[in-house]
């Protein structure tokens, strides 16, 4: 019986630690970017990353689902939308450097 309670305690601690880790990853992220994590529809595999490109930091919300027709969103460090023309978008995807993954749907 003691081992059952110990096992339940360990499981609860692990689950609490995972929730705490998720909160910490979103700490300091602009609210406009955090709001994008609220959709639990993972069909098109949405994700958010922080990238260094062209001497600036950009939050990027993109999708990797192969059968999805989606639009990538770019945000500056303060969470303001950034418009990139087609050439800039191509250059971004060629030259970007991932600083850290912020969110992956379902994880």
PDB file of N, CA and C in Angstrom:
ATOM      1  N   UNK A   1       0.819  -1.182   0.000  1.00  0.00           N
ATOM      2  CA  UNK A   1       0.000   0.000   0.000  1.00  0.00           C
ATOM      3  C   UNK A   1       0.870   1.256   0.000  1.00  0.00           C
ATOM      4  N   UNK A   2       1.996   1.197   0.743  1.00  0.00           N
ATOM      5  CA  UNK A   2       2.901   2.340   0.781  1.00  0.00           C
ATOM      6  C   UNK A   2       3.474   2.631  -0.599  1.00  0.00           C
ATOM      7  N   UNK A   3       3.785   1.566  -1.334  1.00  0.00           N
ATOM      8  CA  UNK A   3       4.356   1.770  -2.667  1.00  0.00           C
ATOM      9  C   UNK A   3       3.336   2.406  -3.617  1.00  0.00           C
ATOM     10  N   UNK A   4       2.062   2.102  -3.422  1.00  0.00           N
ATOM     11  CA  UNK A   4       1.015   2.712  -4.234  1.00  0.00           C
ATOM     12  C   UNK A   4       0.956   4.217  -3.977  1.00  0.00           C
ATOM     13  N   UNK A   5       0.962   4.609  -2.696  1.00  0.00           N
ATOM     14  CA  UNK A   5       0.946   6.036  -2.362  1.00  0.00           C
ATOM     15  C   UNK A   5       2.212   6.734  -2.842  1.00  0.00           C
ATOM     16  N   UNK A   6       3.347   6.059  -2.713  1.00  0.00           N
ATOM     17  CA  UNK A   6       4.605   6.635  -3.186  1.00  0.00           C
ATOM     18  C   UNK A   6       4.562   6.831  -4.701  1.00  0.00           C
ATOM     19  N   UNK A   7       4.046   5.829  -5.418  1.00  0.00           N
ATOM     20  CA  UNK A   7       3.941   5.934  -6.879  1.00  0.00           C
ATOM     21  C   UNK A   7       3.018   7.074  -7.287  1.00  0.00           C
ATOM     22  N   UNK A   8       1.876   7.197  -6.612  1.00  0.00           N
ATOM     23  CA  UNK A   8       0.952   8.291  -6.918  1.00  0.00           C
ATOM     24  C   UNK A   8       1.593   9.648  -6.626  1.00  0.00           C
ATOM     25  N   UNK A   9       2.353   9.727  -5.553  1.00  0.00           N
ATOM     26  CA  UNK A   9       3.050  10.971  -5.210  1.00  0.00           C
ATOM     27  C   UNK A   9       4.077  11.348  -6.262  1.00  0.00           C
ATOM     28  N   UNK A  10       4.823  10.374  -6.749  1.00  0.00           N
ATOM     29  CA  UNK A  10       5.835  10.626  -7.785  1.00  0.00           C
ATOM     30  C   UNK A  10       5.155  11.070  -9.079  1.00  0.00           C
ATOM     31  N   UNK A  11       4.085  10.406  -9.449  1.00  0.00           N
ATOM     32  CA  UNK A  11       3.361  10.771 -10.672  1.00  0.00           C
ATOM     33  C   UNK A  11       2.824  12.193 -10.562  1.00  0.00           C
ATOM     34  N   UNK A  12       2.237  12.540  -9.417  1.00  0.00           N
ATOM     35  CA  UNK A  12       1.712  13.894  -9.215  1.00  0.00           C
ATOM     36  C   UNK A  12       2.827  14.925  -9.302  1.00  0.00           C
ATOM     37  N   UNK A  13       3.979  14.621  -8.728  1.00  0.00           N
ATOM     38  CA  UNK A  13       5.112  15.550  -8.762  1.00  0.00           C
ATOM     39  C   UNK A  13       5.604  15.754 -10.193  1.00  0.00           C
ATOM     40  N   UNK A  14       5.663  14.685 -10.965  1.00  0.00           N
ATOM     41  CA  UNK A  14       6.112  14.782 -12.351  1.00  0.00           C
ATOM     42  C   UNK A  14       5.128  15.616 -13.167  1.00  0.00           C
ATOM     43  N   UNK A  15       3.844  15.368 -12.993  1.00  0.00           N
ATOM     44  CA  UNK A  15       2.841  16.139 -13.738  1.00  0.00           C
ATOM     45  C   UNK A  15       2.879  17.609 -13.348  1.00  0.00           C
ATOM     46  N   UNK A  16       3.045  17.912 -12.084  1.00  0.00           N
ATOM     47  CA  UNK A  16       3.131  19.304 -11.636  1.00  0.00           C
ATOM     48  C   UNK A  16       4.381  19.960 -12.221  1.00  0.00           C
ATOM     49  N   UNK A  17       5.481  19.243 -12.259  1.00  0.00           N
ATOM     50  CA  UNK A  17       6.725  19.798 -12.809  1.00  0.00           C
ATOM     51  C   UNK A  17       6.565  20.114 -14.288  1.00  0.00           C
ATOM     52  N   UNK A  18       5.865  19.271 -15.029  1.00  0.00           N
ATOM     53  CA  UNK A  18       5.656  19.522 -16.457  1.00  0.00           C
ATOM     54  C   UNK A  18       4.808  20.772 -16.670  1.00  0.00           C
ATOM     55  N   UNK A  19       3.761  20.954 -15.871  1.00  0.00           N
ATOM     56  CA  UNK A  19       2.942  22.154 -15.977  1.00  0.00           C
ATOM     57  C   UNK A  19       3.756  23.389 -15.650  1.00  0.00           C
ATOM     58  N   UNK A  20       4.596  23.314 -14.637  1.00  0.00           N
ATOM     59  CA  UNK A  20       5.417  24.446 -14.232  1.00  0.00           C
ATOM     60  C   UNK A  20       6.402  24.798 -15.353  1.00  0.00           C
ATOM     61  N   UNK A  21       6.970  23.776 -15.991  1.00  0.00           N
ATOM     62  CA  UNK A  21       7.909  24.021 -17.089  1.00  0.00           C
ATOM     63  C   UNK A  21       7.219  24.741 -18.235  1.00  0.00           C
ATOM     64  N   UNK A  22       5.991  24.343 -18.568  1.00  0.00           N
ATOM     65  CA  UNK A  22       5.250  24.991 -19.648  1.00  0.00           C
ATOM     66  C   UNK A  22       5.015  26.462 -19.315  1.00  0.00           C
ATOM     67  N   UNK A  23       4.662  26.772 -18.064  1.00  0.00           N
ATOM     68  CA  UNK A  23       4.457  28.156 -17.652  1.00  0.00           C
ATOM     69  C   UNK A  23       5.734  28.965 -17.803  1.00  0.00           C
ATOM     70  N   UNK A  24       6.850  28.376 -17.434  1.00  0.00           N
ATOM     71  CA  UNK A  24       8.120  29.096 -17.499  1.00  0.00           C
ATOM     72  C   UNK A  24       8.510  29.406 -18.940  1.00  0.00           C
ATOM     73  N   UNK A  25       8.188  28.526 -19.867  1.00  0.00           N
ATOM     74  CA  UNK A  25       8.533  28.777 -21.265  1.00  0.00           C
ATOM     75  C   UNK A  25       7.769  29.966 -21.821  1.00  0.00           C
ATOM     76  N   UNK A  26       6.572  30.231 -21.291  1.00  0.00           N
ATOM     77  CA  UNK A  26       5.768  31.340 -21.781  1.00  0.00           C
ATOM     78  C   UNK A  26       5.998  32.616 -20.976  1.00  0.00           C
ATOM     79  N   UNK A  27       6.772  32.537 -19.914  1.00  0.00           N
ATOM     80  CA  UNK A  27       7.059  33.718 -19.107  1.00  0.00           C
ATOM     81  C   UNK A  27       7.883  34.710 -19.926  1.00  0.00           C
ATOM     82  N   UNK A  28       7.437  35.953 -19.954  1.00  0.00           N
ATOM     83  CA  UNK A  28       8.150  36.987 -20.699  1.00  0.00           C
ATOM     84  C   UNK A  28       7.778  37.076 -22.172  1.00  0.00           C
ATOM     85  N   UNK A  29       6.872  36.212 -22.620  1.00  0.00           N
ATOM     86  CA  UNK A  29       6.431  36.221 -24.016  1.00  0.00           C
ATOM     87  C   UNK A  29       5.322  37.269 -24.149  1.00  0.00           C
ATOM     88  N   UNK A  30       5.355  38.101 -25.184  1.00  0.00           N
ATOM     89  CA  UNK A  30       4.290  39.107 -25.363  1.00  0.00           C
ATOM     90  C   UNK A  30       2.907  38.458 -25.419  1.00  0.00           C
ATOM     91  N   UNK A  31       1.919  39.152 -24.874  1.00  0.00           N
ATOM     92  CA  UNK A  31       0.554  38.628 -24.791  1.00  0.00           C
ATOM     93  C   UNK A  31      -0.012  38.274 -26.166  1.00  0.00           C
ATOM     94  N   UNK A  32       0.274  39.085 -27.176  1.00  0.00           N
ATOM     95  CA  UNK A  32      -0.254  38.807 -28.520  1.00  0.00           C
ATOM     96  C   UNK A  32       0.279  37.482 -29.065  1.00  0.00           C
ATOM     97  N   UNK A  33       1.474  37.092 -28.663  1.00  0.00           N
ATOM     98  CA  UNK A  33       2.054  35.818 -29.088  1.00  0.00           C
ATOM     99  C   UNK A  33       1.491  34.685 -28.225  1.00  0.00           C
ATOM    100  N   UNK A  34       1.352  34.906 -26.916  1.00  0.00           N
ATOM    101  CA  UNK A  34       0.782  33.884 -26.024  1.00  0.00           C
ATOM    102  C   UNK A  34      -0.617  33.476 -26.475  1.00  0.00           C
ATOM    103  N   UNK A  35      -1.398  34.425 -26.959  1.00  0.00           N
ATOM    104  CA  UNK A  35      -2.773  34.136 -27.366  1.00  0.00           C
ATOM    105  C   UNK A  35      -2.826  33.103 -28.480  1.00  0.00           C
ATOM    106  N   UNK A  36      -1.790  32.993 -29.259  1.00  0.00           N
ATOM    107  CA  UNK A  36      -1.756  32.032 -30.359  1.00  0.00           C
ATOM    108  C   UNK A  36      -1.646  30.592 -29.865  1.00  0.00           C
ATOM    109  N   UNK A  37      -1.274  30.401 -28.603  1.00  0.00           N
ATOM    110  CA  UNK A  37      -1.131  29.053 -28.053  1.00  0.00           C
ATOM    111  C   UNK A  37      -2.446  28.490 -27.555  1.00  0.00           C
ATOM    112  N   UNK A  38      -3.519  29.274 -27.567  1.00  0.00           N
ATOM    113  CA  UNK A  38      -4.795  28.846 -27.019  1.00  0.00           C
ATOM    114  C   UNK A  38      -5.563  27.861 -27.880  1.00  0.00           C
ATOM    115  N   UNK A  39      -5.233  27.756 -29.152  1.00  0.00           N
ATOM    116  CA  UNK A  39      -5.954  26.853 -30.047  1.00  0.00           C
ATOM    117  C   UNK A  39      -5.436  25.435 -29.855  1.00  0.00           C
ATOM    118  N   UNK A  40      -6.313  24.513 -29.495  1.00  0.00           N
ATOM    119  CA  UNK A  40      -5.910  23.127 -29.275  1.00  0.00           C
ATOM    120  C   UNK A  40      -6.083  22.262 -30.517  1.00  0.00           C
ATOM    121  N   UNK A  41      -6.360  22.883 -31.665  1.00  0.00           N
ATOM    122  CA  UNK A  41      -6.489  22.145 -32.911  1.00  0.00           C
ATOM    123  C   UNK A  41      -5.091  21.961 -33.499  1.00  0.00           C
ATOM    124  N   UNK A  42      -4.580  20.757 -33.388  1.00  0.00           N
ATOM    125  CA  UNK A  42      -3.206  20.485 -33.824  1.00  0.00           C
ATOM    126  C   UNK A  42      -3.141  19.884 -35.227  1.00  0.00           C
ATOM    127  N   UNK A  43      -4.223  19.969 -35.985  1.00  0.00           N
ATOM    128  CA  UNK A  43      -4.301  19.343 -37.303  1.00  0.00           C
ATOM    129  C   UNK A  43      -3.143  19.754 -38.210  1.00  0.00           C
ATOM    130  N   UNK A  44      -2.806  21.021 -38.242  1.00  0.00           N
ATOM    131  CA  UNK A  44      -1.752  21.504 -39.143  1.00  0.00           C
ATOM    132  C   UNK A  44      -0.410  21.674 -38.441  1.00  0.00           C
ATOM    133  N   UNK A  45      -0.268  21.112 -37.242  1.00  0.00           N
ATOM    134  CA  UNK A  45       0.973  21.165 -36.467  1.00  0.00           C
ATOM    135  C   UNK A  45       1.496  22.587 -36.266  1.00  0.00           C
ATOM    136  N   UNK A  46       0.706  23.467 -35.623  1.00  0.00           N
ATOM    137  CA  UNK A  46       1.183  24.825 -35.385  1.00  0.00           C
ATOM    138  C   UNK A  46       2.294  24.860 -34.336  1.00  0.00           C
ATOM    139  N   UNK A  47       3.139  25.858 -34.435  1.00  0.00           N
ATOM    140  CA  UNK A  47       4.230  26.055 -33.483  1.00  0.00           C
ATOM    141  C   UNK A  47       4.652  27.507 -33.460  1.00  0.00           C
ATOM    142  N   UNK A  48       5.326  27.880 -32.406  1.00  0.00           N
ATOM    143  CA  UNK A  48       5.846  29.238 -32.256  1.00  0.00           C
ATOM    144  C   UNK A  48       7.309  29.130 -31.846  1.00  0.00           C
ATOM    145  N   UNK A  49       8.145  29.907 -32.506  1.00  0.00           N
ATOM    146  CA  UNK A  49       9.556  29.936 -32.161  1.00  0.00           C
ATOM    147  C   UNK A  49      10.065  31.367 -32.119  1.00  0.00           C
ATOM    148  N   UNK A  50      11.145  31.556 -31.398  1.00  0.00           N
ATOM    149  CA  UNK A  50      11.833  32.841 -31.368  1.00  0.00           C
ATOM    150  C   UNK A  50      13.087  32.684 -32.219  1.00  0.00           C
ATOM    151  N   UNK A  51      13.231  33.550 -33.210  1.00  0.00           N
ATOM    152  CA  UNK A  51      14.338  33.452 -34.158  1.00  0.00           C
ATOM    153  C   UNK A  51      15.141  34.746 -34.210  1.00  0.00           C
ATOM    154  N   UNK A  52      16.417  34.600 -34.493  1.00  0.00           N
ATOM    155  CA  UNK A  52      17.283  35.747 -34.765  1.00  0.00           C
ATOM    156  C   UNK A  52      17.460  35.797 -36.288  1.00  0.00           C
ATOM    157  N   UNK A  53      17.182  36.965 -36.837  1.00  0.00           N
ATOM    158  CA  UNK A  53      17.320  37.144 -38.286  1.00  0.00           C
ATOM    159  C   UNK A  53      17.546  38.618 -38.584  1.00  0.00           C
ATOM    160  N   UNK A  54      18.489  38.896 -39.429  1.00  0.00           N
ATOM    161  CA  UNK A  54      18.745  40.257 -39.895  1.00  0.00           C
ATOM    162  C   UNK A  54      18.915  41.221 -38.710  1.00  0.00           C
ATOM    163  N   UNK A  55      19.720  40.811 -37.729  1.00  0.00           N
ATOM    164  CA  UNK A  55      20.022  41.614 -36.531  1.00  0.00           C
ATOM    165  C   UNK A  55      18.797  41.970 -35.703  1.00  0.00           C
ATOM    166  N   UNK A  56      17.776  41.145 -35.717  1.00  0.00           N
ATOM    167  CA  UNK A  56      16.610  41.367 -34.865  1.00  0.00           C
ATOM    168  C   UNK A  56      16.029  40.032 -34.433  1.00  0.00           C
ATOM    169  N   UNK A  57      15.191  40.087 -33.393  1.00  0.00           N
ATOM    170  CA  UNK A  57      14.504  38.902 -32.901  1.00  0.00           C
ATOM    171  C   UNK A  57      13.062  38.936 -33.371  1.00  0.00           C
ATOM    172  N   UNK A  58      12.590  37.802 -33.867  1.00  0.00           N
ATOM    173  CA  UNK A  58      11.211  37.687 -34.338  1.00  0.00           C
ATOM    174  C   UNK A  58      10.568  36.448 -33.732  1.00  0.00           C
ATOM    175  N   UNK A  59       9.346  36.625 -33.231  1.00  0.00           N
ATOM    176  CA  UNK A  59       8.506  35.492 -32.876  1.00  0.00           C
ATOM    177  C   UNK A  59       7.792  35.086 -34.159  1.00  0.00           C
ATOM    178  N   UNK A  60       7.785  33.784 -34.432  1.00  0.00           N
ATOM    179  CA  UNK A  60       7.158  33.296 -35.660  1.00  0.00           C
ATOM    180  C   UNK A  60       6.156  32.199 -35.307  1.00  0.00           C
ATOM    181  N   UNK A  61       4.940  32.357 -35.813  1.00  0.00           N
ATOM    182  CA  UNK A  61       3.891  31.352 -35.651  1.00  0.00           C
ATOM    183  C   UNK A  61       3.697  30.720 -37.022  1.00  0.00           C
ATOM    184  N   UNK A  62       4.025  29.430 -37.129  1.00  0.00           N
ATOM    185  CA  UNK A  62       3.937  28.765 -38.427  1.00  0.00           C
ATOM    186  C   UNK A  62       3.388  27.361 -38.258  1.00  0.00           C
ATOM    187  N   UNK A  63       3.115  26.722 -39.370  1.00  0.00           N
ATOM    188  CA  UNK A  63       2.499  25.398 -39.410  1.00  0.00           C
ATOM    189  C   UNK A  63       3.354  24.502 -40.294  1.00  0.00           C
ATOM    190  N   UNK A  64       3.399  23.198 -39.946  1.00  0.00           N
ATOM    191  CA  UNK A  64       4.196  22.286 -40.774  1.00  0.00           C
ATOM    192  C   UNK A  64       3.354  21.187 -41.400  1.00  0.00           C
ATOM    193  N   UNK A  65       2.039  21.214 -41.197  1.00  0.00           N
ATOM    194  CA  UNK A  65       1.168  20.202 -41.792  1.00  0.00           C
ATOM    195  C   UNK A  65       1.276  20.220 -43.311  1.00  0.00           C
ATOM    196  N   UNK A  66       1.594  19.082 -43.936  1.00  0.00           N
ATOM    197  CA  UNK A  66       1.836  19.046 -45.376  1.00  0.00           C
ATOM    198  C   UNK A  66       0.612  19.351 -46.235  1.00  0.00           C
ATOM    199  N   UNK A  67      -0.585  19.081 -45.735  1.00  0.00           N
ATOM    200  CA  UNK A  67      -1.792  19.291 -46.540  1.00  0.00           C
ATOM    201  C   UNK A  67      -2.532  20.562 -46.142  1.00  0.00           C
ATOM    202  N   UNK A  68      -1.850  21.464 -45.444  1.00  0.00           N
ATOM    203  CA  UNK A  68      -2.505  22.664 -44.924  1.00  0.00           C
ATOM    204  C   UNK A  68      -2.071  23.906 -45.699  1.00  0.00           C
ATOM    205  N   UNK A  69      -3.043  24.739 -45.998  1.00  0.00           N
ATOM    206  CA  UNK A  69      -2.778  26.012 -46.655  1.00  0.00           C
ATOM    207  C   UNK A  69      -2.887  27.097 -45.581  1.00  0.00           C
ATOM    208  N   UNK A  70      -1.769  27.465 -45.003  1.00  0.00           N
ATOM    209  CA  UNK A  70      -1.769  28.377 -43.856  1.00  0.00           C
ATOM    210  C   UNK A  70      -0.841  29.553 -44.104  1.00  0.00           C
ATOM    211  N   UNK A  71      -0.976  30.577 -43.284  1.00  0.00           N
ATOM    212  CA  UNK A  71      -0.148  31.776 -43.402  1.00  0.00           C
ATOM    213  C   UNK A  71       0.704  31.912 -42.150  1.00  0.00           C
ATOM    214  N   UNK A  72       1.982  32.134 -42.329  1.00  0.00           N
ATOM    215  CA  UNK A  72       2.903  32.348 -41.223  1.00  0.00           C
ATOM    216  C   UNK A  72       2.752  33.767 -40.710  1.00  0.00           C
ATOM    217  N   UNK A  73       2.809  33.918 -39.381  1.00  0.00           N
ATOM    218  CA  UNK A  73       2.718  35.236 -38.751  1.00  0.00           C
ATOM    219  C   UNK A  73       4.049  35.572 -38.102  1.00  0.00           C
ATOM    220  N   UNK A  74       4.479  36.810 -38.259  1.00  0.00           N
ATOM    221  CA  UNK A  74       5.742  37.291 -37.700  1.00  0.00           C
ATOM    222  C   UNK A  74       5.443  38.418 -36.715  1.00  0.00           C
ATOM    223  N   UNK A  75       6.170  38.426 -35.582  1.00  0.00           N
ATOM    224  CA  UNK A  75       5.994  39.448 -34.558  1.00  0.00           C
ATOM    225  C   UNK A  75       7.357  39.925 -34.078  1.00  0.00           C
ATOM    226  N   UNK A  76       7.463  41.211 -33.744  1.00  0.00           N
ATOM    227  CA  UNK A  76       8.725  41.717 -33.204  1.00  0.00           C
ATOM    228  C   UNK A  76       8.839  41.337 -31.725  1.00  0.00           C
ATOM    229  N   UNK A  77       9.902  41.784 -31.072  1.00  0.00           N
ATOM    230  CA  UNK A  77      10.166  41.444 -29.671  1.00  0.00           C
ATOM    231  C   UNK A  77       9.047  41.885 -28.728  1.00  0.00           C
ATOM    232  N   UNK A  78       8.317  42.924 -29.118  1.00  0.00           N
ATOM    233  CA  UNK A  78       7.240  43.451 -28.281  1.00  0.00           C
ATOM    234  C   UNK A  78       5.884  42.830 -28.601  1.00  0.00           C
ATOM    235  N   UNK A  79       5.843  41.926 -29.577  1.00  0.00           N
ATOM    236  CA  UNK A  79       4.596  41.264 -29.946  1.00  0.00           C
ATOM    237  C   UNK A  79       3.802  41.983 -31.012  1.00  0.00           C
ATOM    238  N   UNK A  80       4.394  42.992 -31.631  1.00  0.00           N
ATOM    239  CA  UNK A  80       3.714  43.715 -32.706  1.00  0.00           C
ATOM    240  C   UNK A  80       3.878  42.954 -34.022  1.00  0.00           C
ATOM    241  N   UNK A  81       2.808  42.841 -34.808  1.00  0.00           N
ATOM    242  CA  UNK A  81       2.918  42.147 -36.095  1.00  0.00           C
ATOM    243  C   UNK A  81       3.955  42.806 -37.004  1.00  0.00           C
ATOM    244  N   UNK A  82       4.681  41.975 -37.731  1.00  0.00           N
ATOM    245  CA  UNK A  82       5.695  42.439 -38.680  1.00  0.00           C
ATOM    246  C   UNK A  82       5.310  41.909 -40.051  1.00  0.00           C
ATOM    247  N   UNK A  83       5.280  42.789 -41.028  1.00  0.00           N
ATOM    248  CA  UNK A  83       4.978  42.385 -42.404  1.00  0.00           C
ATOM    249  C   UNK A  83       6.294  42.146 -43.146  1.00  0.00           C
ATOM    250  N   UNK A  84       6.437  40.964 -43.722  1.00  0.00           N
ATOM    251  CA  UNK A  84       7.593  40.654 -44.556  1.00  0.00           C
ATOM    252  C   UNK A  84       7.090  40.376 -45.965  1.00  0.00           C
ATOM    253  N   UNK A  85       7.732  40.995 -46.960  1.00  0.00           N
ATOM    254  CA  UNK A  85       7.338  40.697 -48.330  1.00  0.00           C
ATOM    255  C   UNK A  85       7.858  39.300 -48.710  1.00  0.00           C
ATOM    256  N   UNK A  86       7.510  38.824 -49.870  1.00  0.00           N
ATOM    257  CA  UNK A  86       7.863  37.456 -50.286  1.00  0.00           C
ATOM    258  C   UNK A  86       9.366  37.224 -50.275  1.00  0.00           C
ATOM    259  N   UNK A  87      10.146  38.197 -50.753  1.00  0.00           N
ATOM    260  CA  UNK A  87      11.601  38.038 -50.764  1.00  0.00           C
ATOM    261  C   UNK A  87      12.152  37.969 -49.339  1.00  0.00           C
ATOM    262  N   UNK A  88      11.633  38.820 -48.460  1.00  0.00           N
ATOM    263  CA  UNK A  88      12.081  38.803 -47.072  1.00  0.00           C
ATOM    264  C   UNK A  88      11.714  37.492 -46.383  1.00  0.00           C
ATOM    265  N   UNK A  89      10.537  36.961 -46.687  1.00  0.00           N
ATOM    266  CA  UNK A  89      10.136  35.681 -46.101  1.00  0.00           C
ATOM    267  C   UNK A  89      11.065  34.563 -46.560  1.00  0.00           C
ATOM    268  N   UNK A  90      11.382  34.544 -47.847  1.00  0.00           N
ATOM    269  CA  UNK A  90      12.317  33.524 -48.348  1.00  0.00           C
ATOM    270  C   UNK A  90      13.681  33.667 -47.693  1.00  0.00           C
ATOM    271  N   UNK A  91      14.165  34.887 -47.571  1.00  0.00           N
ATOM    272  CA  UNK A  91      15.455  35.134 -46.933  1.00  0.00           C
ATOM    273  C   UNK A  91      15.408  34.713 -45.463  1.00  0.00           C
ATOM    274  N   UNK A  92      14.294  35.037 -44.788  1.00  0.00           N
ATOM    275  CA  UNK A  92      14.149  34.638 -43.389  1.00  0.00           C
ATOM    276  C   UNK A  92      14.323  33.132 -43.244  1.00  0.00           C
ATOM    277  N   UNK A  93      13.574  32.346 -44.025  1.00  0.00           N
ATOM    278  CA  UNK A  93      13.612  30.889 -43.863  1.00  0.00           C
ATOM    279  C   UNK A  93      14.966  30.302 -44.252  1.00  0.00           C
ATOM    280  N   UNK A  94      15.733  31.004 -45.088  1.00  0.00           N
ATOM    281  CA  UNK A  94      17.068  30.532 -45.455  1.00  0.00           C
ATOM    282  C   UNK A  94      18.117  30.887 -44.415  1.00  0.00           C
ATOM    283  N   UNK A  95      18.003  32.074 -43.793  1.00  0.00           N
ATOM    284  CA  UNK A  95      19.079  32.602 -42.945  1.00  0.00           C
ATOM    285  C   UNK A  95      18.766  32.655 -41.457  1.00  0.00           C
ATOM    286  N   UNK A  96      17.588  32.260 -41.032  1.00  0.00           N
ATOM    287  CA  UNK A  96      17.185  32.382 -39.629  1.00  0.00           C
ATOM    288  C   UNK A  96      18.058  31.522 -38.710  1.00  0.00           C
ATOM    289  N   UNK A  97      18.067  31.916 -37.443  1.00  0.00           N
ATOM    290  CA  UNK A  97      18.730  31.129 -36.412  1.00  0.00           C
ATOM    291  C   UNK A  97      17.730  30.957 -35.270  1.00  0.00           C
ATOM    292  N   UNK A  98      17.418  29.732 -34.933  1.00  0.00           N
ATOM    293  CA  UNK A  98      16.476  29.463 -33.857  1.00  0.00           C
ATOM    294  C   UNK A  98      17.113  29.815 -32.520  1.00  0.00           C
ATOM    295  N   UNK A  99      16.452  30.694 -31.776  1.00  0.00           N
ATOM    296  CA  UNK A  99      16.894  31.030 -30.427  1.00  0.00           C
ATOM    297  C   UNK A  99      16.302  30.017 -29.457  1.00  0.00           C
ATOM    298  N   UNK A 100      14.970  29.808 -29.558  1.00  0.00           N
ATOM    299  CA  UNK A 100      14.317  28.770 -28.771  1.00  0.00           C
ATOM    300  C   UNK A 100      12.894  28.535 -29.278  1.00  0.00           C
ATOM    301  N   UNK A 101      12.451  27.300 -29.087  1.00  0.00           N
ATOM    302  CA  UNK A 101      11.063  26.978 -29.387  1.00  0.00           C
ATOM    303  C   UNK A 101      10.230  27.470 -28.215  1.00  0.00           C
ATOM    304  N   UNK A 102       9.140  28.139 -28.526  1.00  0.00           N
ATOM    305  CA  UNK A 102       8.252  28.679 -27.502  1.00  0.00           C
ATOM    306  C   UNK A 102       7.115  27.699 -27.233  1.00  0.00           C
ATOM    307  N   UNK A 103       6.522  27.164 -28.309  1.00  0.00           N
ATOM    308  CA  UNK A 103       5.345  26.319 -28.159  1.00  0.00           C
ATOM    309  C   UNK A 103       5.197  25.424 -29.376  1.00  0.00           C
ATOM    310  N   UNK A 104       4.818  24.174 -29.132  1.00  0.00           N
ATOM    311  CA  UNK A 104       4.466  23.221 -30.179  1.00  0.00           C
ATOM    312  C   UNK A 104       3.125  22.631 -29.768  1.00  0.00           C
ATOM    313  N   UNK A 105       2.143  22.708 -30.639  1.00  0.00           N
ATOM    314  CA  UNK A 105       0.795  22.228 -30.300  1.00  0.00           C
ATOM    315  C   UNK A 105       0.838  20.764 -29.874  1.00  0.00           C
ATOM    316  N   UNK A 106       0.176  20.468 -28.777  1.00  0.00           N
ATOM    317  CA  UNK A 106       0.094  19.112 -28.290  1.00  0.00           C
ATOM    318  C   UNK A 106       1.220  18.691 -27.369  1.00  0.00           C
ATOM    319  N   UNK A 107       2.197  19.539 -27.178  1.00  0.00           N
ATOM    320  CA  UNK A 107       3.306  19.179 -26.276  1.00  0.00           C
ATOM    321  C   UNK A 107       3.235  19.962 -25.008  1.00  0.00           C
TER     322      UNK A 107
END
